[in-house]
Amino acid sequence: MPSEEALINSGAELPILDQARLQERRERVFLVLAGIFICAMTMLNILGITRFVQLGPMALAIGVLPYPLTFLCTDLICELYGKARANFMVSLGLGLNLFILAVLWLGNLLPAAGAETLPPWQVLQLAESVALPNGSELAGSVELFQLIYATTTGAMFASMMAYIAAQYCDVQLFHFWKRVTGGKYLWIRNNFSTLISQLVDSFMVIAVTFGAVYLDGNITLRALLILMFSNYLFKFSVAIADTGPFYLAVYQLRKYLHLQDGEIAIHR
């Protein structure tokens, strides 16, 4: 009896059980890619601007470090599963952004427990007032959640705006370059879609996050431009570096998912 591999390569109809197993394999790979995408996006929002790190000439918010993985996952899903699946994943990510924001808003809305029930590490004593990205200030005795809420919600709003613009832009540009090149030159649609969409993301998220601080005079234009440039330089470098892994992943996953060139892994 011919193997499943031989049946697929010959274009013959697979037995129902084998077809079901193949479809399950394809859905599992989609779930893994979508999971990595959502995990990286969530780390961006939760870690956000809670800390800045110095990588060579780049000053980066720690939440930015895993974010380039989202564009790699988007491009892989565009290539292997098509535009509709990629847009679905981006829309799901947007919904989860809103869910995280709603939970933070609800936590801030509910009354805090009495001071006598709070562990000592949950209340911080600030030596001086601290200016926040949204233009407000914190001073004196501050609950840990208040500090997290104040430093993440504004950045989350900014990242959501940038996310909507950049991720949908990435999907559209990927398929635009695919049409222009007739499905050839995988590196063109991978790099040009990612580099342009990350440019939109980098400048928008910094402008929205720190716009109020800049207008209040608490951050200089030079510092704002350094953050924008650092943000994009990091994403640009990762986008160029992931071209090889992207090619390897597409090659290996096409074999694993039994896909011919130009075929996408969706259930007909």
C-alpha atoms as a PDB file:
ATOM      1  CA  MET A   1       0.000   0.000   0.000  1.00  0.00           C
ATOM      2  CA  PRO A   2       1.434   3.453  -0.914  1.00  0.00           C
ATOM      3  CA  SER A   3       2.557   5.621   2.002  1.00  0.00           C
ATOM      4  CA  GLU A   4       0.792   8.857   2.938  1.00  0.00           C
ATOM      5  CA  GLU A   5       3.825  10.780   1.614  1.00  0.00           C
ATOM      6  CA  ALA A   6       3.570   9.030  -1.767  1.00  0.00           C
ATOM      7  CA  LEU A   7      -0.156   9.673  -2.000  1.00  0.00           C
ATOM      8  CA  ILE A   8       0.278  13.374  -1.289  1.00  0.00           C
ATOM      9  CA  ASN A   9       3.136  13.808  -3.758  1.00  0.00           C
ATOM     10  CA  SER A  10       1.190  12.002  -6.473  1.00  0.00           C
ATOM     11  CA  GLY A  11      -1.837  14.212  -5.967  1.00  0.00           C
ATOM     12  CA  ALA A  12      -4.034  11.197  -5.179  1.00  0.00           C
ATOM     13  CA  GLU A  13      -6.945  11.412  -2.769  1.00  0.00           C
ATOM     14  CA  LEU A  14      -5.913  10.555   0.781  1.00  0.00           C
ATOM     15  CA  PRO A  15      -7.925   8.187   2.983  1.00  0.00           C
ATOM     16  CA  ILE A  16     -10.187  10.087   5.370  1.00  0.00           C
ATOM     17  CA  LEU A  17      -8.122   9.183   8.438  1.00  0.00           C
ATOM     18  CA  ASP A  18      -4.840  10.225   6.866  1.00  0.00           C
ATOM     19  CA  GLN A  19      -6.352  13.497   5.625  1.00  0.00           C
ATOM     20  CA  ALA A  20      -7.641  14.190   9.137  1.00  0.00           C
ATOM     21  CA  ARG A  21      -4.197  13.528  10.620  1.00  0.00           C
ATOM     22  CA  LEU A  22      -2.597  15.839   8.069  1.00  0.00           C
ATOM     23  CA  GLN A  23      -5.102  18.587   8.840  1.00  0.00           C
ATOM     24  CA  GLU A  24      -4.472  18.164  12.570  1.00  0.00           C
ATOM     25  CA  ARG A  25      -0.726  18.550  11.939  1.00  0.00           C
ATOM     26  CA  ARG A  26      -1.333  21.765   9.998  1.00  0.00           C
ATOM     27  CA  GLU A  27      -3.586  23.194  12.698  1.00  0.00           C
ATOM     28  CA  ARG A  28      -1.043  22.358  15.396  1.00  0.00           C
ATOM     29  CA  VAL A  29       1.694  24.255  13.548  1.00  0.00           C
ATOM     30  CA  PHE A  30      -0.648  27.228  13.162  1.00  0.00           C
ATOM     31  CA  LEU A  31      -1.410  27.055  16.890  1.00  0.00           C
ATOM     32  CA  VAL A  32       2.317  27.080  17.750  1.00  0.00           C
ATOM     33  CA  LEU A  33       3.012  30.081  15.482  1.00  0.00           C
ATOM     34  CA  ALA A  34      -0.026  31.948  16.786  1.00  0.00           C
ATOM     35  CA  GLY A  35       1.012  31.106  20.374  1.00  0.00           C
ATOM     36  CA  ILE A  36       4.507  32.547  19.858  1.00  0.00           C
ATOM     37  CA  PHE A  37       2.959  35.624  18.242  1.00  0.00           C
ATOM     38  CA  ILE A  38       0.536  36.207  21.138  1.00  0.00           C
ATOM     39  CA  CYS A  39       3.189  35.475  23.787  1.00  0.00           C
ATOM     40  CA  ALA A  40       5.628  38.011  22.281  1.00  0.00           C
ATOM     41  CA  MET A  41       2.854  40.581  21.918  1.00  0.00           C
ATOM     42  CA  THR A  42       1.736  40.061  25.536  1.00  0.00           C
ATOM     43  CA  MET A  43       5.295  40.461  26.843  1.00  0.00           C
ATOM     44  CA  LEU A  44       5.489  43.751  24.951  1.00  0.00           C
ATOM     45  CA  ASN A  45       2.403  45.022  26.748  1.00  0.00           C
ATOM     46  CA  ILE A  46       3.125  43.669  30.226  1.00  0.00           C
ATOM     47  CA  LEU A  47       6.850  44.453  30.343  1.00  0.00           C
ATOM     48  CA  GLY A  48       6.404  47.560  28.193  1.00  0.00           C
ATOM     49  CA  ILE A  49       8.506  50.475  29.347  1.00  0.00           C
ATOM     50  CA  THR A  50       9.046  49.191  32.903  1.00  0.00           C
ATOM     51  CA  ARG A  51      12.771  49.100  32.149  1.00  0.00           C
ATOM     52  CA  PHE A  52      15.112  50.396  29.453  1.00  0.00           C
ATOM     53  CA  VAL A  53      18.227  48.476  28.479  1.00  0.00           C
ATOM     54  CA  GLN A  54      21.310  49.518  26.541  1.00  0.00           C
ATOM     55  CA  LEU A  55      22.334  47.311  23.617  1.00  0.00           C
ATOM     56  CA  GLY A  56      25.367  48.951  22.035  1.00  0.00           C
ATOM     57  CA  PRO A  57      24.141  52.292  20.632  1.00  0.00           C
ATOM     58  CA  MET A  58      20.483  51.347  21.174  1.00  0.00           C
ATOM     59  CA  ALA A  59      18.356  52.325  24.191  1.00  0.00           C
ATOM     60  CA  LEU A  60      15.400  49.942  24.203  1.00  0.00           C
ATOM     61  CA  ALA A  61      12.306  49.340  26.299  1.00  0.00           C
ATOM     62  CA  ILE A  62      12.550  45.765  27.554  1.00  0.00           C
ATOM     63  CA  GLY A  63       9.136  44.945  26.096  1.00  0.00           C
ATOM     64  CA  VAL A  64      10.489  45.560  22.586  1.00  0.00           C
ATOM     65  CA  LEU A  65      12.986  42.666  22.777  1.00  0.00           C
ATOM     66  CA  PRO A  66      10.548  39.830  21.890  1.00  0.00           C
ATOM     67  CA  TYR A  67       8.352  41.939  19.584  1.00  0.00           C
ATOM     68  CA  PRO A  68      10.183  41.296  16.256  1.00  0.00           C
ATOM     69  CA  LEU A  69       9.139  37.649  16.596  1.00  0.00           C
ATOM     70  CA  THR A  70       5.563  38.742  15.893  1.00  0.00           C
ATOM     71  CA  PHE A  71       6.526  39.856  12.375  1.00  0.00           C
ATOM     72  CA  LEU A  72       8.361  36.578  11.720  1.00  0.00           C
ATOM     73  CA  CYS A  73       5.261  34.623  12.798  1.00  0.00           C
ATOM     74  CA  THR A  74       2.991  36.848  10.701  1.00  0.00           C
ATOM     75  CA  ASP A  75       5.138  36.304   7.603  1.00  0.00           C
ATOM     76  CA  LEU A  76       5.285  32.529   8.159  1.00  0.00           C
ATOM     77  CA  ILE A  77       1.505  32.350   8.476  1.00  0.00           C
ATOM     78  CA  CYS A  78       1.086  34.566   5.402  1.00  0.00           C
ATOM     79  CA  GLU A  79       3.324  32.207   3.424  1.00  0.00           C
ATOM     80  CA  LEU A  80       1.980  28.893   4.717  1.00  0.00           C
ATOM     81  CA  TYR A  81      -1.657  29.646   5.571  1.00  0.00           C
ATOM     82  CA  GLY A  82      -2.597  32.656   3.457  1.00  0.00           C
ATOM     83  CA  LYS A  83      -3.845  36.183   3.992  1.00  0.00           C
ATOM     84  CA  ALA A  84      -7.128  35.297   5.718  1.00  0.00           C
ATOM     85  CA  ARG A  85      -5.405  33.273   8.456  1.00  0.00           C
ATOM     86  CA  ALA A  86      -2.812  35.999   9.017  1.00  0.00           C
ATOM     87  CA  ASN A  87      -5.512  38.667   9.359  1.00  0.00           C
ATOM     88  CA  PHE A  88      -7.409  36.389  11.761  1.00  0.00           C
ATOM     89  CA  MET A  89      -4.337  36.056  13.981  1.00  0.00           C
ATOM     90  CA  VAL A  90      -3.734  39.817  13.961  1.00  0.00           C
ATOM     91  CA  SER A  91      -7.399  40.431  14.863  1.00  0.00           C
ATOM     92  CA  LEU A  92      -7.147  37.873  17.673  1.00  0.00           C
ATOM     93  CA  GLY A  93      -4.075  39.680  18.985  1.00  0.00           C
ATOM     94  CA  LEU A  94      -5.991  42.964  18.944  1.00  0.00           C
ATOM     95  CA  GLY A  95      -8.813  41.368  20.943  1.00  0.00           C
ATOM     96  CA  LEU A  96      -6.334  40.060  23.535  1.00  0.00           C
ATOM     97  CA  ASN A  97      -4.769  43.530  23.782  1.00  0.00           C
ATOM     98  CA  LEU A  98      -8.195  44.902  24.631  1.00  0.00           C
ATOM     99  CA  PHE A  99      -8.774  42.099  27.144  1.00  0.00           C
ATOM    100  CA  ILE A 100      -5.494  42.861  28.959  1.00  0.00           C
ATOM    101  CA  LEU A 101      -6.348  46.559  29.013  1.00  0.00           C
ATOM    102  CA  ALA A 102      -9.832  45.789  30.367  1.00  0.00           C
ATOM    103  CA  VAL A 103      -8.408  43.652  33.205  1.00  0.00           C
ATOM    104  CA  LEU A 104      -5.953  46.415  34.159  1.00  0.00           C
ATOM    105  CA  TRP A 105      -8.747  48.998  34.054  1.00  0.00           C
ATOM    106  CA  LEU A 106     -10.977  46.799  36.246  1.00  0.00           C
ATOM    107  CA  GLY A 107      -8.148  46.184  38.719  1.00  0.00           C
ATOM    108  CA  ASN A 108      -7.578  49.925  38.999  1.00  0.00           C
ATOM    109  CA  LEU A 109     -11.318  50.589  39.380  1.00  0.00           C
ATOM    110  CA  LEU A 110     -11.884  48.146  42.259  1.00  0.00           C
ATOM    111  CA  PRO A 111     -11.120  49.418  45.792  1.00  0.00           C
ATOM    112  CA  ALA A 112      -7.788  48.353  47.245  1.00  0.00           C
ATOM    113  CA  ALA A 113      -7.620  46.175  50.362  1.00  0.00           C
ATOM    114  CA  GLY A 114      -6.884  47.847  53.681  1.00  0.00           C
ATOM    115  CA  ALA A 115      -3.289  48.843  54.350  1.00  0.00           C
ATOM    116  CA  GLU A 116      -3.081  46.395  57.273  1.00  0.00           C
ATOM    117  CA  THR A 117      -3.664  43.447  54.903  1.00  0.00           C
ATOM    118  CA  LEU A 118      -1.080  44.489  52.313  1.00  0.00           C
ATOM    119  CA  PRO A 119       2.378  42.852  52.328  1.00  0.00           C
ATOM    120  CA  PRO A 120       5.191  45.378  52.835  1.00  0.00           C
ATOM    121  CA  TRP A 121       6.567  44.957  49.318  1.00  0.00           C
ATOM    122  CA  GLN A 122       3.226  45.995  47.803  1.00  0.00           C
ATOM    123  CA  VAL A 123       3.557  49.628  48.885  1.00  0.00           C
ATOM    124  CA  LEU A 124       6.451  51.772  47.679  1.00  0.00           C
ATOM    125  CA  GLN A 125       7.647  55.025  49.207  1.00  0.00           C
ATOM    126  CA  LEU A 126       8.812  57.427  46.508  1.00  0.00           C
ATOM    127  CA  ALA A 127      11.481  59.876  47.619  1.00  0.00           C
ATOM    128  CA  GLU A 128      10.300  62.416  45.049  1.00  0.00           C
ATOM    129  CA  SER A 129       7.526  62.821  42.503  1.00  0.00           C
ATOM    130  CA  VAL A 130       7.861  60.804  39.309  1.00  0.00           C
ATOM    131  CA  ALA A 131       6.640  62.079  35.925  1.00  0.00           C
ATOM    132  CA  LEU A 132       4.807  59.424  33.914  1.00  0.00           C
ATOM    133  CA  PRO A 133       4.516  59.013  30.134  1.00  0.00           C
ATOM    134  CA  ASN A 134       0.870  60.144  30.204  1.00  0.00           C
ATOM    135  CA  GLY A 135       1.877  63.498  31.737  1.00  0.00           C
ATOM    136  CA  SER A 136       0.678  62.730  35.286  1.00  0.00           C
ATOM    137  CA  GLU A 137       2.849  62.301  38.400  1.00  0.00           C
ATOM    138  CA  LEU A 138       3.145  59.846  41.271  1.00  0.00           C
ATOM    139  CA  ALA A 139       4.471  60.835  44.669  1.00  0.00           C
ATOM    140  CA  GLY A 140       4.644  59.628  48.276  1.00  0.00           C
ATOM    141  CA  SER A 141       3.173  56.236  49.174  1.00  0.00           C
ATOM    142  CA  VAL A 142       2.320  54.335  46.002  1.00  0.00           C
ATOM    143  CA  GLU A 143       0.829  50.881  45.632  1.00  0.00           C
ATOM    144  CA  LEU A 144       2.847  48.603  43.344  1.00  0.00           C
ATOM    145  CA  PHE A 145      -0.180  48.032  41.098  1.00  0.00           C
ATOM    146  CA  GLN A 146      -0.651  51.792  40.710  1.00  0.00           C
ATOM    147  CA  LEU A 147       2.900  52.109  39.458  1.00  0.00           C
ATOM    148  CA  ILE A 148       2.492  49.205  37.023  1.00  0.00           C
ATOM    149  CA  TYR A 149      -0.876  50.520  35.840  1.00  0.00           C
ATOM    150  CA  ALA A 150       0.465  54.030  35.333  1.00  0.00           C
ATOM    151  CA  THR A 151       3.515  52.883  33.378  1.00  0.00           C
ATOM    152  CA  THR A 152       1.803  50.246  31.221  1.00  0.00           C
ATOM    153  CA  THR A 153      -1.657  51.506  30.263  1.00  0.00           C
ATOM    154  CA  GLY A 154      -0.427  54.524  28.310  1.00  0.00           C
ATOM    155  CA  ALA A 155       2.218  52.438  26.586  1.00  0.00           C
ATOM    156  CA  MET A 156      -0.388  49.756  25.877  1.00  0.00           C
ATOM    157  CA  PHE A 157      -2.665  52.288  24.197  1.00  0.00           C
ATOM    158  CA  ALA A 158       0.254  53.444  22.066  1.00  0.00           C
ATOM    159  CA  SER A 159       1.285  49.878  21.236  1.00  0.00           C
ATOM    160  CA  MET A 160      -2.290  49.021  20.251  1.00  0.00           C
ATOM    161  CA  MET A 161      -2.402  51.896  17.767  1.00  0.00           C
ATOM    162  CA  ALA A 162       1.001  50.925  16.389  1.00  0.00           C
ATOM    163  CA  TYR A 163       0.021  47.245  16.404  1.00  0.00           C
ATOM    164  CA  ILE A 164      -3.116  47.845  14.306  1.00  0.00           C
ATOM    165  CA  ALA A 165      -1.204  49.922  11.770  1.00  0.00           C
ATOM    166  CA  ALA A 166       1.951  47.777  11.595  1.00  0.00           C
ATOM    167  CA  GLN A 167       0.585  44.218  11.673  1.00  0.00           C
ATOM    168  CA  TYR A 168      -2.197  44.738   9.128  1.00  0.00           C
ATOM    169  CA  CYS A 169       0.307  46.695   7.034  1.00  0.00           C
ATOM    170  CA  ASP A 170       2.717  43.735   7.211  1.00  0.00           C
ATOM    171  CA  VAL A 171       0.062  41.292   5.971  1.00  0.00           C
ATOM    172  CA  GLN A 172      -1.009  43.577   3.111  1.00  0.00           C
ATOM    173  CA  LEU A 173       2.555  44.340   2.026  1.00  0.00           C
ATOM    174  CA  PHE A 174       3.600  40.691   2.187  1.00  0.00           C
ATOM    175  CA  HIS A 175       0.890  39.713  -0.292  1.00  0.00           C
ATOM    176  CA  PHE A 176       1.491  42.835  -2.376  1.00  0.00           C
ATOM    177  CA  TRP A 177       5.141  41.873  -2.904  1.00  0.00           C
ATOM    178  CA  LYS A 178       4.103  38.268  -3.507  1.00  0.00           C
ATOM    179  CA  ARG A 179       1.831  39.411  -6.348  1.00  0.00           C
ATOM    180  CA  VAL A 180       4.448  41.797  -7.763  1.00  0.00           C
ATOM    181  CA  THR A 181       7.139  39.081  -7.856  1.00  0.00           C
ATOM    182  CA  GLY A 182       4.795  36.351  -9.045  1.00  0.00           C
ATOM    183  CA  GLY A 183       5.404  34.295  -5.913  1.00  0.00           C
ATOM    184  CA  LYS A 184       9.200  34.314  -6.398  1.00  0.00           C
ATOM    185  CA  TYR A 185      11.985  35.877  -4.314  1.00  0.00           C
ATOM    186  CA  LEU A 186      10.751  34.996  -0.844  1.00  0.00           C
ATOM    187  CA  TRP A 187      13.318  37.339   0.734  1.00  0.00           C
ATOM    188  CA  ILE A 188      11.724  40.370  -0.948  1.00  0.00           C
ATOM    189  CA  ARG A 189       8.266  39.874   0.549  1.00  0.00           C
ATOM    190  CA  ASN A 190       9.725  38.838   3.894  1.00  0.00           C
ATOM    191  CA  ASN A 191      12.088  41.801   4.271  1.00  0.00           C
ATOM    192  CA  PHE A 192      10.240  44.622   2.528  1.00  0.00           C
ATOM    193  CA  SER A 193       6.938  43.924   4.261  1.00  0.00           C
ATOM    194  CA  THR A 194       8.596  43.684   7.679  1.00  0.00           C
ATOM    195  CA  LEU A 195      10.982  46.639   7.344  1.00  0.00           C
ATOM    196  CA  ILE A 196       8.256  49.046   6.209  1.00  0.00           C
ATOM    197  CA  SER A 197       5.670  47.907   8.766  1.00  0.00           C
ATOM    198  CA  GLN A 198       8.234  48.028  11.595  1.00  0.00           C
ATOM    199  CA  LEU A 199       9.132  51.585  10.594  1.00  0.00           C
ATOM    200  CA  VAL A 200       5.470  52.520  11.076  1.00  0.00           C
ATOM    201  CA  ASP A 201       5.366  50.654  14.390  1.00  0.00           C
ATOM    202  CA  SER A 202       8.593  52.087  15.832  1.00  0.00           C
ATOM    203  CA  PHE A 203       7.868  55.743  15.202  1.00  0.00           C
ATOM    204  CA  MET A 204       4.171  55.583  16.073  1.00  0.00           C
ATOM    205  CA  VAL A 205       4.579  53.778  19.402  1.00  0.00           C
ATOM    206  CA  ILE A 206       7.282  56.166  20.661  1.00  0.00           C
ATOM    207  CA  ALA A 207       5.417  59.265  19.463  1.00  0.00           C
ATOM    208  CA  VAL A 208       2.157  58.235  21.174  1.00  0.00           C
ATOM    209  CA  THR A 209       3.790  56.888  24.354  1.00  0.00           C
ATOM    210  CA  PHE A 210       6.034  59.892  25.021  1.00  0.00           C
ATOM    211  CA  GLY A 211       4.141  62.621  23.165  1.00  0.00           C
ATOM    212  CA  ALA A 212       2.555  64.043  26.315  1.00  0.00           C
ATOM    213  CA  VAL A 213       5.881  63.977  28.167  1.00  0.00           C
ATOM    214  CA  TYR A 214       7.575  65.804  25.282  1.00  0.00           C
ATOM    215  CA  LEU A 215       4.846  68.475  25.140  1.00  0.00           C
ATOM    216  CA  ASP A 216       5.202  69.003  28.895  1.00  0.00           C
ATOM    217  CA  GLY A 217       8.947  69.532  28.458  1.00  0.00           C
ATOM    218  CA  ASN A 218       9.946  66.434  30.477  1.00  0.00           C
ATOM    219  CA  ILE A 219      11.820  64.855  27.562  1.00  0.00           C
ATOM    220  CA  THR A 220      13.867  66.499  24.835  1.00  0.00           C
ATOM    221  CA  LEU A 221      13.308  66.096  21.104  1.00  0.00           C
ATOM    222  CA  ARG A 222      16.790  64.583  20.858  1.00  0.00           C
ATOM    223  CA  ALA A 223      15.924  61.917  23.451  1.00  0.00           C
ATOM    224  CA  LEU A 224      12.654  61.203  21.642  1.00  0.00           C
ATOM    225  CA  LEU A 225      14.447  60.752  18.308  1.00  0.00           C
ATOM    226  CA  ILE A 226      17.079  58.514  19.936  1.00  0.00           C
ATOM    227  CA  LEU A 227      14.311  56.259  21.263  1.00  0.00           C
ATOM    228  CA  MET A 228      12.651  56.133  17.834  1.00  0.00           C
ATOM    229  CA  PHE A 229      15.933  55.424  16.053  1.00  0.00           C
ATOM    230  CA  SER A 230      17.019  52.797  18.605  1.00  0.00           C
ATOM    231  CA  ASN A 231      13.640  51.098  18.410  1.00  0.00           C
ATOM    232  CA  TYR A 232      13.760  50.849  14.627  1.00  0.00           C
ATOM    233  CA  LEU A 233      17.457  49.977  14.427  1.00  0.00           C
ATOM    234  CA  PHE A 234      16.896  46.979  16.690  1.00  0.00           C
ATOM    235  CA  LYS A 235      13.879  45.766  14.685  1.00  0.00           C
ATOM    236  CA  PHE A 236      15.692  46.437  11.390  1.00  0.00           C
ATOM    237  CA  SER A 237      18.682  44.355  12.539  1.00  0.00           C
ATOM    238  CA  VAL A 238      16.494  41.467  13.690  1.00  0.00           C
ATOM    239  CA  ALA A 239      14.465  41.576  10.440  1.00  0.00           C
ATOM    240  CA  ILE A 240      17.633  41.267   8.350  1.00  0.00           C
ATOM    241  CA  ALA A 241      19.054  38.554  10.615  1.00  0.00           C
ATOM    242  CA  ASP A 242      15.894  36.422  10.484  1.00  0.00           C
ATOM    243  CA  THR A 243      15.937  36.088   6.658  1.00  0.00           C
ATOM    244  CA  GLY A 244      17.944  32.860   6.858  1.00  0.00           C
ATOM    245  CA  PRO A 245      15.807  31.305   9.623  1.00  0.00           C
ATOM    246  CA  PHE A 246      12.688  32.372   7.696  1.00  0.00           C
ATOM    247  CA  TYR A 247      13.857  30.559   4.557  1.00  0.00           C
ATOM    248  CA  LEU A 248      14.779  27.474   6.604  1.00  0.00           C
ATOM    249  CA  ALA A 249      11.443  27.491   8.462  1.00  0.00           C
ATOM    250  CA  VAL A 250       9.444  27.813   5.227  1.00  0.00           C
ATOM    251  CA  TYR A 251      11.437  24.987   3.604  1.00  0.00           C
ATOM    252  CA  GLN A 252      11.116  22.626   6.580  1.00  0.00           C
ATOM    253  CA  LEU A 253       7.486  23.437   7.324  1.00  0.00           C
ATOM    254  CA  ARG A 254       6.449  22.967   3.692  1.00  0.00           C
ATOM    255  CA  LYS A 255       7.877  19.448   3.851  1.00  0.00           C
ATOM    256  CA  TYR A 256       6.349  18.756   7.267  1.00  0.00           C
ATOM    257  CA  LEU A 257       2.929  20.054   6.211  1.00  0.00           C
ATOM    258  CA  HIS A 258       3.109  18.348   2.775  1.00  0.00           C
ATOM    259  CA  LEU A 259       2.694  21.595   0.845  1.00  0.00           C
ATOM    260  CA  GLN A 260       3.739  22.192  -2.726  1.00  0.00           C
ATOM    261  CA  ASP A 261       5.181  25.561  -3.767  1.00  0.00           C
ATOM    262  CA  GLY A 262       2.425  28.174  -3.697  1.00  0.00           C
ATOM    263  CA  GLU A 263       0.018  25.887  -1.808  1.00  0.00           C
ATOM    264  CA  ILE A 264      -1.385  26.999   1.549  1.00  0.00           C
ATOM    265  CA  ALA A 265      -2.339  24.796   4.501  1.00  0.00           C
ATOM    266  CA  ILE A 266      -6.052  25.494   4.861  1.00  0.00           C
ATOM    267  CA  HIS A 267      -8.880  22.989   5.014  1.00  0.00           C
ATOM    268  CA  ARG A 268     -10.913  22.978   1.807  1.00  0.00           C
END
